[in-house]
């Protein structure tokens, strides 16, 4: 295993913000979390398991540090991550 792969497995602390349905499921607006997830997708699956998020990742928009990104974007310590569910309004 290369040094890069080993460092990918170390826990990193990220900040999360929750909106709409995800906020209701997680019962919080935000949290700081230590994770070994390497990508936004892995982080979402971790959260989905813990909080029983009902929506698949394919229905989410993902923002990291206030920029929309793809779900395979690598996570860095200190990132602020937001998974944005579809929202109906009128």
C-alpha atoms as a PDB file:
ATOM      1  CA  UNK A   1       0.000   0.000   0.000  1.00  0.00           C
ATOM      2  CA  UNK A   2       1.406   3.385  -0.935  1.00  0.00           C
ATOM      3  CA  UNK A   3       1.806   6.246   1.519  1.00  0.00           C
ATOM      4  CA  UNK A   4      -0.987   8.154  -0.252  1.00  0.00           C
ATOM      5  CA  UNK A   5      -3.423   5.274   0.291  1.00  0.00           C
ATOM      6  CA  UNK A   6      -2.533   5.029   3.973  1.00  0.00           C
ATOM      7  CA  UNK A   7      -3.135   8.752   4.549  1.00  0.00           C
ATOM      8  CA  UNK A   8      -6.519   8.482   2.778  1.00  0.00           C
ATOM      9  CA  UNK A   9      -7.685   6.107   5.531  1.00  0.00           C
ATOM     10  CA  UNK A  10      -6.822   8.426   8.426  1.00  0.00           C
ATOM     11  CA  UNK A  11      -9.800  10.127  10.058  1.00  0.00           C
ATOM     12  CA  UNK A  12     -10.335  13.725   9.020  1.00  0.00           C
ATOM     13  CA  UNK A  13     -12.684  16.254  10.521  1.00  0.00           C
ATOM     14  CA  UNK A  14     -15.311  17.814   8.247  1.00  0.00           C
ATOM     15  CA  UNK A  15     -18.169  20.195   8.906  1.00  0.00           C
ATOM     16  CA  UNK A  16     -21.629  19.204   7.694  1.00  0.00           C
ATOM     17  CA  UNK A  17     -24.746  21.297   7.159  1.00  0.00           C
ATOM     18  CA  UNK A  18     -28.194  19.753   6.748  1.00  0.00           C
ATOM     19  CA  UNK A  19     -31.259  21.141   4.978  1.00  0.00           C
ATOM     20  CA  UNK A  20     -34.880  20.099   4.483  1.00  0.00           C
ATOM     21  CA  UNK A  21     -35.497  16.348   4.748  1.00  0.00           C
ATOM     22  CA  UNK A  22     -31.905  15.604   5.746  1.00  0.00           C
ATOM     23  CA  UNK A  23     -32.130  18.062   8.650  1.00  0.00           C
ATOM     24  CA  UNK A  24     -35.327  16.341   9.821  1.00  0.00           C
ATOM     25  CA  UNK A  25     -33.728  12.880   9.596  1.00  0.00           C
ATOM     26  CA  UNK A  26     -30.462  13.883  11.294  1.00  0.00           C
ATOM     27  CA  UNK A  27     -32.339  15.973  13.896  1.00  0.00           C
ATOM     28  CA  UNK A  28     -29.744  18.735  13.596  1.00  0.00           C
ATOM     29  CA  UNK A  29     -28.771  21.646  11.348  1.00  0.00           C
ATOM     30  CA  UNK A  30     -25.053  20.931  11.354  1.00  0.00           C
ATOM     31  CA  UNK A  31     -22.292  18.895  12.940  1.00  0.00           C
ATOM     32  CA  UNK A  32     -18.551  18.447  12.999  1.00  0.00           C
ATOM     33  CA  UNK A  33     -17.651  14.858  12.243  1.00  0.00           C
ATOM     34  CA  UNK A  34     -14.537  12.711  12.117  1.00  0.00           C
ATOM     35  CA  UNK A  35     -14.682  10.380   9.126  1.00  0.00           C
ATOM     36  CA  UNK A  36     -12.478   8.000   7.181  1.00  0.00           C
ATOM     37  CA  UNK A  37     -14.590   8.573   4.037  1.00  0.00           C
ATOM     38  CA  UNK A  38     -12.351   9.404   1.105  1.00  0.00           C
ATOM     39  CA  UNK A  39     -15.003  11.026  -1.091  1.00  0.00           C
ATOM     40  CA  UNK A  40     -18.267  12.901  -0.731  1.00  0.00           C
ATOM     41  CA  UNK A  41     -20.078   9.770  -1.925  1.00  0.00           C
ATOM     42  CA  UNK A  42     -18.513   7.625   0.801  1.00  0.00           C
ATOM     43  CA  UNK A  43     -19.440  10.274   3.359  1.00  0.00           C
ATOM     44  CA  UNK A  44     -23.058  10.327   2.172  1.00  0.00           C
ATOM     45  CA  UNK A  45     -23.298   6.530   2.434  1.00  0.00           C
ATOM     46  CA  UNK A  46     -21.893   6.738   5.976  1.00  0.00           C
ATOM     47  CA  UNK A  47     -24.480   9.373   6.918  1.00  0.00           C
ATOM     48  CA  UNK A  48     -27.268   7.502   5.135  1.00  0.00           C
ATOM     49  CA  UNK A  49     -26.550   4.422   7.212  1.00  0.00           C
ATOM     50  CA  UNK A  50     -26.402   6.345  10.504  1.00  0.00           C
ATOM     51  CA  UNK A  51     -29.391   8.652   9.969  1.00  0.00           C
ATOM     52  CA  UNK A  52     -31.502   6.496   7.620  1.00  0.00           C
ATOM     53  CA  UNK A  53     -31.529   9.137   4.886  1.00  0.00           C
ATOM     54  CA  UNK A  54     -34.198   7.878   2.452  1.00  0.00           C
ATOM     55  CA  UNK A  55     -32.944   9.551  -0.726  1.00  0.00           C
ATOM     56  CA  UNK A  56     -30.291   8.040  -2.976  1.00  0.00           C
ATOM     57  CA  UNK A  57     -27.130  10.032  -3.609  1.00  0.00           C
ATOM     58  CA  UNK A  58     -28.198  10.392  -7.256  1.00  0.00           C
ATOM     59  CA  UNK A  59     -30.963  12.794  -6.118  1.00  0.00           C
ATOM     60  CA  UNK A  60     -28.575  15.030  -4.139  1.00  0.00           C
ATOM     61  CA  UNK A  61     -26.585  18.076  -5.122  1.00  0.00           C
ATOM     62  CA  UNK A  62     -23.233  18.181  -3.333  1.00  0.00           C
ATOM     63  CA  UNK A  63     -21.419  21.344  -2.291  1.00  0.00           C
ATOM     64  CA  UNK A  64     -17.988  21.508  -0.679  1.00  0.00           C
ATOM     65  CA  UNK A  65     -16.723  24.817   0.635  1.00  0.00           C
ATOM     66  CA  UNK A  66     -19.630  26.595  -1.099  1.00  0.00           C
ATOM     67  CA  UNK A  67     -18.890  25.122  -4.546  1.00  0.00           C
ATOM     68  CA  UNK A  68     -20.980  22.488  -6.299  1.00  0.00           C
ATOM     69  CA  UNK A  69     -18.918  19.355  -6.883  1.00  0.00           C
ATOM     70  CA  UNK A  70     -19.367  15.791  -8.059  1.00  0.00           C
ATOM     71  CA  UNK A  71     -19.891  13.016  -5.507  1.00  0.00           C
ATOM     72  CA  UNK A  72     -16.445  11.535  -6.189  1.00  0.00           C
ATOM     73  CA  UNK A  73     -14.677  14.710  -5.058  1.00  0.00           C
ATOM     74  CA  UNK A  74     -11.991  13.776  -2.498  1.00  0.00           C
ATOM     75  CA  UNK A  75     -12.531  15.019   1.048  1.00  0.00           C
ATOM     76  CA  UNK A  76      -9.948  17.117   2.864  1.00  0.00           C
ATOM     77  CA  UNK A  77      -9.735  17.879   6.570  1.00  0.00           C
ATOM     78  CA  UNK A  78     -11.681  21.051   7.319  1.00  0.00           C
ATOM     79  CA  UNK A  79     -14.031  20.808   4.324  1.00  0.00           C
ATOM     80  CA  UNK A  80     -17.592  22.047   4.781  1.00  0.00           C
ATOM     81  CA  UNK A  81     -19.911  19.594   3.052  1.00  0.00           C
ATOM     82  CA  UNK A  82     -23.568  20.088   2.214  1.00  0.00           C
ATOM     83  CA  UNK A  83     -25.815  17.471   0.611  1.00  0.00           C
ATOM     84  CA  UNK A  84     -28.799  19.293  -0.854  1.00  0.00           C
ATOM     85  CA  UNK A  85     -31.968  17.276  -1.397  1.00  0.00           C
ATOM     86  CA  UNK A  86     -34.564  18.234  -3.996  1.00  0.00           C
ATOM     87  CA  UNK A  87     -36.880  20.876  -2.547  1.00  0.00           C
ATOM     88  CA  UNK A  88     -40.420  21.587  -3.685  1.00  0.00           C
ATOM     89  CA  UNK A  89     -41.727  25.071  -3.264  1.00  0.00           C
ATOM     90  CA  UNK A  90     -44.172  27.480  -4.589  1.00  0.00           C
END
